[in-house]
PDB file of all heavy atoms in Angstrom:
ATOM      1  N   LYS A   1     120.420  74.325  64.767  1.00  0.00           N
ATOM      2  CA  LYS A   1     121.251  74.997  65.774  1.00  0.00           C
ATOM      3  C   LYS A   1     122.580  74.259  65.964  1.00  0.00           C
ATOM      4  O   LYS A   1     123.227  73.874  65.005  1.00  0.00           O
ATOM      5  CB  LYS A   1     120.477  75.145  67.089  1.00  0.00           C
ATOM      6  CG  LYS A   1     119.193  75.940  66.963  1.00  0.00           C
ATOM      7  CD  LYS A   1     118.491  76.053  68.299  1.00  0.00           C
ATOM      8  CE  LYS A   1     117.164  76.752  68.159  1.00  0.00           C
ATOM      9  NZ  LYS A   1     116.450  76.839  69.456  1.00  0.00           N
ATOM     10  N   ALA A   2     122.972  74.018  67.222  1.00  0.00           N
ATOM     11  CA  ALA A   2     124.302  73.478  67.510  1.00  0.00           C
ATOM     12  C   ALA A   2     124.478  72.038  67.044  1.00  0.00           C
ATOM     13  O   ALA A   2     125.607  71.596  66.783  1.00  0.00           O
ATOM     14  CB  ALA A   2     124.587  73.575  69.006  1.00  0.00           C
ATOM     15  N   ARG A   3     123.391  71.283  66.915  1.00  0.00           N
ATOM     16  CA  ARG A   3     123.525  69.869  66.559  1.00  0.00           C
ATOM     17  C   ARG A   3     123.600  69.645  65.048  1.00  0.00           C
ATOM     18  O   ARG A   3     123.835  68.521  64.599  1.00  0.00           O
ATOM     19  CB  ARG A   3     122.368  69.068  67.155  1.00  0.00           C
ATOM     20  CG  ARG A   3     121.009  69.451  66.601  1.00  0.00           C
ATOM     21  CD  ARG A   3     119.879  68.731  67.337  1.00  0.00           C
ATOM     22  NE  ARG A   3     118.564  69.167  66.885  1.00  0.00           N
ATOM     23  CZ  ARG A   3     117.928  68.673  65.850  1.00  0.00           C
ATOM     24  NH1 ARG A   3     118.474  67.706  65.129  1.00  0.00           N
ATOM     25  NH2 ARG A   3     116.730  69.128  65.512  1.00  0.00           N
ATOM     26  N   GLY A   4     123.410  70.691  64.254  1.00  0.00           N
ATOM     27  CA  GLY A   4     123.412  70.537  62.818  1.00  0.00           C
ATOM     28  C   GLY A   4     124.795  70.497  62.212  1.00  0.00           C
ATOM     29  O   GLY A   4     125.790  70.900  62.834  1.00  0.00           O
ATOM     30  N   ALA A   5     124.872  70.029  60.978  1.00  0.00           N
ATOM     31  CA  ALA A   5     126.151  69.930  60.284  1.00  0.00           C
ATOM     32  C   ALA A   5     126.772  71.308  60.049  1.00  0.00           C
ATOM     33  O   ALA A   5     127.999  71.468  60.127  1.00  0.00           O
ATOM     34  CB  ALA A   5     125.956  69.213  58.942  1.00  0.00           C
ATOM     35  N   THR A   6     125.943  72.318  59.783  1.00  0.00           N
ATOM     36  CA  THR A   6     126.481  73.655  59.540  1.00  0.00           C
ATOM     37  C   THR A   6     127.207  74.181  60.768  1.00  0.00           C
ATOM     38  O   THR A   6     128.327  74.707  60.670  1.00  0.00           O
ATOM     39  CB  THR A   6     125.355  74.629  59.145  1.00  0.00           C
ATOM     40  OG1 THR A   6     124.701  74.135  57.975  1.00  0.00           O
ATOM     41  CG2 THR A   6     125.911  76.015  58.876  1.00  0.00           C
ATOM     42  N   ALA A   7     126.581  74.045  61.918  1.00  0.00           N
ATOM     43  CA  ALA A   7     127.219  74.516  63.153  1.00  0.00           C
ATOM     44  C   ALA A   7     128.480  73.719  63.454  1.00  0.00           C
ATOM     45  O   ALA A   7     129.490  74.284  63.896  1.00  0.00           O
ATOM     46  CB  ALA A   7     126.240  74.419  64.319  1.00  0.00           C
ATOM     47  N   ARG A   8     128.455  72.430  63.190  1.00  0.00           N
ATOM     48  CA  ARG A   8     129.643  71.608  63.467  1.00  0.00           C
ATOM     49  C   ARG A   8     130.805  72.000  62.560  1.00  0.00           C
ATOM     50  O   ARG A   8     131.959  72.037  62.998  1.00  0.00           O
ATOM     51  CB  ARG A   8     129.307  70.124  63.305  1.00  0.00           C
ATOM     52  CG  ARG A   8     128.369  69.599  64.380  1.00  0.00           C
ATOM     53  CD  ARG A   8     128.259  68.085  64.374  1.00  0.00           C
ATOM     54  NE  ARG A   8     127.533  67.584  63.221  1.00  0.00           N
ATOM     55  CZ  ARG A   8     128.065  66.856  62.253  1.00  0.00           C
ATOM     56  NH1 ARG A   8     129.373  66.554  62.262  1.00  0.00           N
ATOM     57  NH2 ARG A   8     127.320  66.422  61.239  1.00  0.00           N
ATOM     58  N   LEU A   9     130.497  72.317  61.300  1.00  0.00           N
ATOM     59  CA  LEU A   9     131.559  72.735  60.392  1.00  0.00           C
ATOM     60  C   LEU A   9     132.079  74.123  60.778  1.00  0.00           C
ATOM     61  O   LEU A   9     133.288  74.380  60.766  1.00  0.00           O
ATOM     62  CB  LEU A   9     131.049  72.736  58.951  1.00  0.00           C
ATOM     63  CG  LEU A   9     132.083  72.998  57.860  1.00  0.00           C
ATOM     64  CD1 LEU A   9     133.248  72.020  57.935  1.00  0.00           C
ATOM     65  CD2 LEU A   9     131.425  72.936  56.481  1.00  0.00           C
ATOM     66  N   ALA A  10     131.166  75.018  61.130  1.00  0.00           N
ATOM     67  CA  ALA A  10     131.582  76.355  61.569  1.00  0.00           C
ATOM     68  C   ALA A  10     132.406  76.286  62.854  1.00  0.00           C
ATOM     69  O   ALA A  10     133.332  77.079  63.051  1.00  0.00           O
ATOM     70  CB  ALA A  10     130.362  77.248  61.769  1.00  0.00           C
ATOM     71  N   ASP A  11     132.076  75.327  63.714  1.00  0.00           N
ATOM     72  CA  ASP A  11     132.854  75.155  64.944  1.00  0.00           C
ATOM     73  C   ASP A  11     134.310  74.821  64.637  1.00  0.00           C
ATOM     74  O   ASP A  11     135.227  75.248  65.346  1.00  0.00           O
ATOM     75  CB  ASP A  11     132.253  74.038  65.809  1.00  0.00           C
ATOM     76  CG  ASP A  11     131.024  74.495  66.587  1.00  0.00           C
ATOM     77  OD1 ASP A  11     130.799  75.721  66.671  1.00  0.00           O
ATOM     78  OD2 ASP A  11     130.299  73.626  67.111  1.00  0.00           O
ATOM     79  N   LEU A  12     134.532  74.050  63.592  1.00  0.00           N
ATOM     80  CA  LEU A  12     135.902  73.707  63.210  1.00  0.00           C
ATOM     81  C   LEU A  12     136.664  74.949  62.748  1.00  0.00           C
ATOM     82  O   LEU A  12     137.845  75.104  63.047  1.00  0.00           O
ATOM     83  CB  LEU A  12     135.889  72.645  62.105  1.00  0.00           C
ATOM     84  CG  LEU A  12     135.376  71.264  62.514  1.00  0.00           C
ATOM     85  CD1 LEU A  12     135.219  70.376  61.280  1.00  0.00           C
ATOM     86  CD2 LEU A  12     136.325  70.604  63.509  1.00  0.00           C
ATOM     87  N   VAL A  13     135.965  75.824  62.013  1.00  0.00           N
ATOM     88  CA  VAL A  13     136.591  77.092  61.622  1.00  0.00           C
ATOM     89  C   VAL A  13     136.930  77.883  62.881  1.00  0.00           C
ATOM     90  O   VAL A  13     138.024  78.451  63.009  1.00  0.00           O
ATOM     91  CB  VAL A  13     135.665  77.903  60.697  1.00  0.00           C
ATOM     92  CG1 VAL A  13     136.331  79.225  60.309  1.00  0.00           C
ATOM     93  CG2 VAL A  13     135.311  77.099  59.453  1.00  0.00           C
ATOM     94  N   GLY A  14     135.996  77.906  63.810  1.00  0.00           N
ATOM     95  CA  GLY A  14     136.239  78.598  65.071  1.00  0.00           C
ATOM     96  C   GLY A  14     137.392  78.012  65.852  1.00  0.00           C
ATOM     97  O   GLY A  14     138.176  78.755  66.466  1.00  0.00           O
ATOM     98  N   GLU A  15     137.533  76.691  65.817  1.00  0.00           N
ATOM     99  CA  GLU A  15     138.663  76.054  66.506  1.00  0.00           C
ATOM    100  C   GLU A  15     139.991  76.521  65.930  1.00  0.00           C
ATOM    101  O   GLU A  15     140.946  76.790  66.665  1.00  0.00           O
ATOM    102  CB  GLU A  15     138.554  74.535  66.398  1.00  0.00           C
ATOM    103  CG  GLU A  15     137.458  73.917  67.256  1.00  0.00           C
ATOM    104  CD  GLU A  15     137.343  72.424  67.037  1.00  0.00           C
ATOM    105  OE1 GLU A  15     138.249  71.842  66.371  1.00  0.00           O
ATOM    106  OE2 GLU A  15     136.362  71.824  67.520  1.00  0.00           O
ATOM    107  N   GLY A  16     140.046  76.612  64.607  1.00  0.00           N
ATOM    108  CA  GLY A  16     141.261  77.095  63.971  1.00  0.00           C
ATOM    109  C   GLY A  16     141.581  78.518  64.382  1.00  0.00           C
ATOM    110  O   GLY A  16     142.744  78.866  64.632  1.00  0.00           O
ATOM    111  N   ALA A  17     140.543  79.355  64.472  1.00  0.00           N
ATOM    112  CA  ALA A  17     140.738  80.743  64.882  1.00  0.00           C
ATOM    113  C   ALA A  17     141.151  80.834  66.350  1.00  0.00           C
ATOM    114  O   ALA A  17     142.054  81.604  66.710  1.00  0.00           O
ATOM    115  CB  ALA A  17     139.459  81.539  64.640  1.00  0.00           C
ATOM    116  N   GLU A  18     140.504  80.044  67.184  1.00  0.00           N
ATOM    117  CA  GLU A  18     140.838  80.068  68.617  1.00  0.00           C
ATOM    118  C   GLU A  18     142.261  79.582  68.864  1.00  0.00           C
ATOM    119  O   GLU A  18     142.930  80.051  69.797  1.00  0.00           O
ATOM    120  CB  GLU A  18     139.833  79.224  69.394  1.00  0.00           C
ATOM    121  CG  GLU A  18     138.455  79.878  69.484  1.00  0.00           C
ATOM    122  CD  GLU A  18     137.398  78.956  70.057  1.00  0.00           C
ATOM    123  OE1 GLU A  18     137.567  77.713  69.981  1.00  0.00           O
ATOM    124  OE2 GLU A  18     136.398  79.472  70.578  1.00  0.00           O
ATOM    125  N   GLY A  19     142.720  78.668  68.023  1.00  0.00           N
ATOM    126  CA  GLY A  19     144.088  78.195  68.143  1.00  0.00           C
ATOM    127  C   GLY A  19     145.116  79.276  67.886  1.00  0.00           C
ATOM    128  O   GLY A  19     146.281  79.167  68.294  1.00  0.00           O
ATOM    129  N   GLU A  20     144.679  80.349  67.195  1.00  0.00           N
ATOM    130  CA  GLU A  20     145.554  81.493  66.926  1.00  0.00           C
ATOM    131  C   GLU A  20     145.277  82.658  67.874  1.00  0.00           C
ATOM    132  O   GLU A  20     145.748  83.768  67.661  1.00  0.00           O
ATOM    133  CB  GLU A  20     145.374  81.960  65.479  1.00  0.00           C
ATOM    134  CG  GLU A  20     145.693  80.902  64.445  1.00  0.00           C
ATOM    135  CD  GLU A  20     147.137  80.429  64.535  1.00  0.00           C
ATOM    136  OE1 GLU A  20     148.028  81.283  64.695  1.00  0.00           O
ATOM    137  OE2 GLU A  20     147.359  79.197  64.453  1.00  0.00           O
ATOM    138  N   GLY A  21     144.503  82.367  68.934  1.00  0.00           N
ATOM    139  CA  GLY A  21     144.275  83.371  69.965  1.00  0.00           C
ATOM    140  C   GLY A  21     142.976  84.133  69.877  1.00  0.00           C
ATOM    141  O   GLY A  21     142.726  85.035  70.685  1.00  0.00           O
ATOM    142  N   ALA A  22     142.112  83.800  68.920  1.00  0.00           N
ATOM    143  CA  ALA A  22     140.855  84.524  68.762  1.00  0.00           C
ATOM    144  C   ALA A  22     139.824  84.055  69.787  1.00  0.00           C
ATOM    145  O   ALA A  22     139.898  82.947  70.327  1.00  0.00           O
ATOM    146  CB  ALA A  22     140.303  84.337  67.353  1.00  0.00           C
ATOM    147  N   CYS A  23     138.847  84.914  70.026  1.00  0.00           N
ATOM    148  CA  CYS A  23     137.688  84.588  70.856  1.00  0.00           C
ATOM    149  C   CYS A  23     136.469  84.536  69.945  1.00  0.00           C
ATOM    150  O   CYS A  23     136.219  85.490  69.198  1.00  0.00           O
ATOM    151  CB  CYS A  23     137.514  85.650  71.942  1.00  0.00           C
ATOM    152  SG  CYS A  23     136.028  85.439  72.949  1.00  0.00           S
ATOM    153  N   VAL A  24     135.723  83.437  70.000  1.00  0.00           N
ATOM    154  CA  VAL A  24     134.600  83.236  69.078  1.00  0.00           C
ATOM    155  C   VAL A  24     133.295  83.135  69.856  1.00  0.00           C
ATOM    156  O   VAL A  24     133.183  82.356  70.803  1.00  0.00           O
ATOM    157  CB  VAL A  24     134.798  81.964  68.225  1.00  0.00           C
ATOM    158  CG1 VAL A  24     133.625  81.787  67.259  1.00  0.00           C
ATOM    159  CG2 VAL A  24     136.120  82.014  67.468  1.00  0.00           C
ATOM    160  N   GLU A  25     132.313  83.909  69.449  1.00  0.00           N
ATOM    161  CA  GLU A  25     130.966  83.831  70.014  1.00  0.00           C
ATOM    162  C   GLU A  25     130.005  83.408  68.911  1.00  0.00           C
ATOM    163  O   GLU A  25     129.991  84.003  67.832  1.00  0.00           O
ATOM    164  CB  GLU A  25     130.517  85.174  70.582  1.00  0.00           C
ATOM    165  CG  GLU A  25     129.093  85.149  71.118  1.00  0.00           C
ATOM    166  CD  GLU A  25     128.604  86.496  71.632  1.00  0.00           C
ATOM    167  OE1 GLU A  25     129.423  87.434  71.704  1.00  0.00           O
ATOM    168  OE2 GLU A  25     127.405  86.612  71.957  1.00  0.00           O
ATOM    169  N   THR A  26     129.203  82.380  69.182  1.00  0.00           N
ATOM    170  CA  THR A  26     128.270  81.859  68.182  1.00  0.00           C
ATOM    171  C   THR A  26     126.847  82.290  68.499  1.00  0.00           C
ATOM    172  O   THR A  26     126.394  82.174  69.641  1.00  0.00           O
ATOM    173  CB  THR A  26     128.342  80.325  68.109  1.00  0.00           C
ATOM    174  OG1 THR A  26     129.675  79.934  67.746  1.00  0.00           O
ATOM    175  CG2 THR A  26     127.378  79.789  67.066  1.00  0.00           C
ATOM    176  N   ILE A  27     126.158  82.785  67.478  1.00  0.00           N
ATOM    177  CA  ILE A  27     124.762  83.189  67.584  1.00  0.00           C
ATOM    178  C   ILE A  27     123.941  82.299  66.665  1.00  0.00           C
ATOM    179  O   ILE A  27     124.223  82.200  65.467  1.00  0.00           O
ATOM    180  CB  ILE A  27     124.573  84.659  67.181  1.00  0.00           C
ATOM    181  CG1 ILE A  27     125.346  85.572  68.136  1.00  0.00           C
ATOM    182  CG2 ILE A  27     123.092  85.034  67.155  1.00  0.00           C
ATOM    183  CD1 ILE A  27     125.373  87.029  67.690  1.00  0.00           C
ATOM    184  N   PHE A  28     122.930  81.648  67.230  1.00  0.00           N
ATOM    185  CA  PHE A  28     122.037  80.800  66.439  1.00  0.00           C
ATOM    186  C   PHE A  28     120.777  81.600  66.118  1.00  0.00           C
ATOM    187  O   PHE A  28     120.003  81.927  67.020  1.00  0.00           O
ATOM    188  CB  PHE A  28     121.685  79.521  67.202  1.00  0.00           C
ATOM    189  CG  PHE A  28     122.877  78.660  67.507  1.00  0.00           C
ATOM    190  CD1 PHE A  28     123.455  78.658  68.770  1.00  0.00           C
ATOM    191  CD2 PHE A  28     123.443  77.860  66.522  1.00  0.00           C
ATOM    192  CE1 PHE A  28     124.567  77.882  69.053  1.00  0.00           C
ATOM    193  CE2 PHE A  28     124.552  77.072  66.791  1.00  0.00           C
ATOM    194  CZ  PHE A  28     125.111  77.083  68.059  1.00  0.00           C
ATOM    195  N   LEU A  29     120.586  81.910  64.849  1.00  0.00           N
ATOM    196  CA  LEU A  29     119.439  82.734  64.482  1.00  0.00           C
ATOM    197  C   LEU A  29     118.101  82.097  64.851  1.00  0.00           C
ATOM    198  O   LEU A  29     117.168  82.826  65.229  1.00  0.00           O
ATOM    199  CB  LEU A  29     119.482  83.064  62.990  1.00  0.00           C
ATOM    200  CG  LEU A  29     120.590  84.037  62.572  1.00  0.00           C
ATOM    201  CD1 LEU A  29     120.521  84.289  61.078  1.00  0.00           C
ATOM    202  CD2 LEU A  29     120.507  85.347  63.341  1.00  0.00           C
ATOM    203  N   PRO A  30     117.949  80.772  64.765  1.00  0.00           N
ATOM    204  CA  PRO A  30     116.688  80.201  65.230  1.00  0.00           C
ATOM    205  C   PRO A  30     116.457  80.395  66.729  1.00  0.00           C
ATOM    206  O   PRO A  30     115.326  80.281  67.202  1.00  0.00           O
ATOM    207  CB  PRO A  30     116.839  78.706  64.895  1.00  0.00           C
ATOM    208  CG  PRO A  30     117.793  78.692  63.751  1.00  0.00           C
ATOM    209  CD  PRO A  30     118.771  79.777  64.069  1.00  0.00           C
ATOM    210  N   GLY A  31     117.500  80.716  67.480  1.00  0.00           N
ATOM    211  CA  GLY A  31     117.359  81.008  68.905  1.00  0.00           C
ATOM    212  C   GLY A  31     117.133  82.479  69.172  1.00  0.00           C
ATOM    213  O   GLY A  31     116.928  82.895  70.309  1.00  0.00           O
ATOM    214  N   LYS A  32     117.177  83.284  68.118  1.00  0.00           N
ATOM    215  CA  LYS A  32     116.914  84.715  68.205  1.00  0.00           C
ATOM    216  C   LYS A  32     115.674  85.030  67.374  1.00  0.00           C
ATOM    217  O   LYS A  32     115.169  84.191  66.630  1.00  0.00           O
ATOM    218  CB  LYS A  32     118.109  85.521  67.682  1.00  0.00           C
ATOM    219  CG  LYS A  32     119.375  85.358  68.491  1.00  0.00           C
ATOM    220  CD  LYS A  32     119.287  86.087  69.823  1.00  0.00           C
ATOM    221  CE  LYS A  32     120.604  86.055  70.574  1.00  0.00           C
ATOM    222  NZ  LYS A  32     120.523  86.805  71.864  1.00  0.00           N
ATOM    223  N   ARG A  33     115.201  86.258  67.483  1.00  0.00           N
ATOM    224  CA  ARG A  33     114.059  86.671  66.673  1.00  0.00           C
ATOM    225  C   ARG A  33     114.515  87.798  65.756  1.00  0.00           C
ATOM    226  O   ARG A  33     114.772  88.913  66.208  1.00  0.00           O
ATOM    227  CB  ARG A  33     112.894  87.130  67.547  1.00  0.00           C
ATOM    228  CG  ARG A  33     111.608  87.411  66.761  1.00  0.00           C
ATOM    229  CD  ARG A  33     110.409  87.470  67.681  1.00  0.00           C
ATOM    230  NE  ARG A  33     110.531  88.557  68.630  1.00  0.00           N
ATOM    231  CZ  ARG A  33     110.083  89.806  68.434  1.00  0.00           C
ATOM    232  NH1 ARG A  33     109.503  90.105  67.278  1.00  0.00           N
ATOM    233  NH2 ARG A  33     110.211  90.725  69.345  1.00  0.00           N
ATOM    234  N   VAL A  34     114.644  87.478  64.471  1.00  0.00           N
ATOM    235  CA  VAL A  34     114.996  88.471  63.460  1.00  0.00           C
ATOM    236  C   VAL A  34     113.890  88.451  62.410  1.00  0.00           C
ATOM    237  O   VAL A  34     113.815  87.541  61.589  1.00  0.00           O
ATOM    238  CB  VAL A  34     116.366  88.186  62.820  1.00  0.00           C
ATOM    239  CG1 VAL A  34     116.663  89.208  61.733  1.00  0.00           C
ATOM    240  CG2 VAL A  34     117.466  88.210  63.876  1.00  0.00           C
ATOM    241  N   ASN A  35     113.044  89.442  62.461  1.00  0.00           N
ATOM    242  CA  ASN A  35     111.904  89.502  61.555  1.00  0.00           C
ATOM    243  C   ASN A  35     112.337  89.903  60.143  1.00  0.00           C
ATOM    244  O   ASN A  35     113.392  90.513  59.969  1.00  0.00           O
ATOM    245  CB  ASN A  35     110.883  90.526  62.067  1.00  0.00           C
ATOM    246  CG  ASN A  35     110.332  90.169  63.424  1.00  0.00           C
ATOM    247  OD1 ASN A  35     110.166  89.000  63.748  1.00  0.00           O
ATOM    248  ND2 ASN A  35     110.044  91.189  64.231  1.00  0.00           N
ATOM    249  N   PRO A  36     111.513  89.622  59.143  1.00  0.00           N
ATOM    250  CA  PRO A  36     111.808  90.116  57.799  1.00  0.00           C
ATOM    251  C   PRO A  36     111.794  91.644  57.759  1.00  0.00           C
ATOM    252  O   PRO A  36     111.145  92.299  58.584  1.00  0.00           O
ATOM    253  CB  PRO A  36     110.665  89.539  56.953  1.00  0.00           C
ATOM    254  CG  PRO A  36     110.147  88.376  57.739  1.00  0.00           C
ATOM    255  CD  PRO A  36     110.325  88.749  59.177  1.00  0.00           C
ATOM    256  N   CYS A  37     112.505  92.205  56.807  1.00  0.00           N
ATOM    257  CA  CYS A  37     112.516  93.649  56.608  1.00  0.00           C
ATOM    258  C   CYS A  37     111.124  94.124  56.189  1.00  0.00           C
ATOM    259  O   CYS A  37     110.470  93.497  55.347  1.00  0.00           O
ATOM    260  CB  CYS A  37     113.545  94.005  55.541  1.00  0.00           C
ATOM    261  SG  CYS A  37     113.600  95.761  55.110  1.00  0.00           S
ATOM    262  N   ASN A  38     110.676  95.252  56.779  1.00  0.00           N
ATOM    263  CA  ASN A  38     109.374  95.827  56.426  1.00  0.00           C
ATOM    264  C   ASN A  38     109.469  96.883  55.335  1.00  0.00           C
ATOM    265  O   ASN A  38     108.452  97.469  54.963  1.00  0.00           O
ATOM    266  CB  ASN A  38     108.718  96.455  57.666  1.00  0.00           C
ATOM    267  CG  ASN A  38     108.233  95.406  58.647  1.00  0.00           C
ATOM    268  OD1 ASN A  38     107.869  94.299  58.250  1.00  0.00           O
ATOM    269  ND2 ASN A  38     108.221  95.751  59.929  1.00  0.00           N
ATOM    270  N   ALA A  39     110.683  97.178  54.865  1.00  0.00           N
ATOM    271  CA  ALA A  39     110.891  98.188  53.826  1.00  0.00           C
ATOM    272  C   ALA A  39     110.314  99.546  54.220  1.00  0.00           C
ATOM    273  O   ALA A  39     109.784 100.285  53.386  1.00  0.00           O
ATOM    274  CB  ALA A  39     110.309  97.727  52.488  1.00  0.00           C
ATOM    275  N   CYS A  40     110.451  99.897  55.510  1.00  0.00           N
ATOM    276  CA  CYS A  40     109.893 101.159  55.997  1.00  0.00           C
ATOM    277  C   CYS A  40     110.850 102.330  55.812  1.00  0.00           C
ATOM    278  O   CYS A  40     110.459 103.487  56.004  1.00  0.00           O
ATOM    279  CB  CYS A  40     109.512 101.035  57.475  1.00  0.00           C
ATOM    280  SG  CYS A  40     110.922 100.793  58.592  1.00  0.00           S
TER     281      CYS A  40
END
């Protein structure tokens, strides 16, 4: 989640975007429930 290297690197990308006026919302998939596709 937020403490990992991936999130920290993505945060830097977000900082660059926010510096240009963007609004960034981060979603951590381990904090959500996204099941595998059932092919239904």
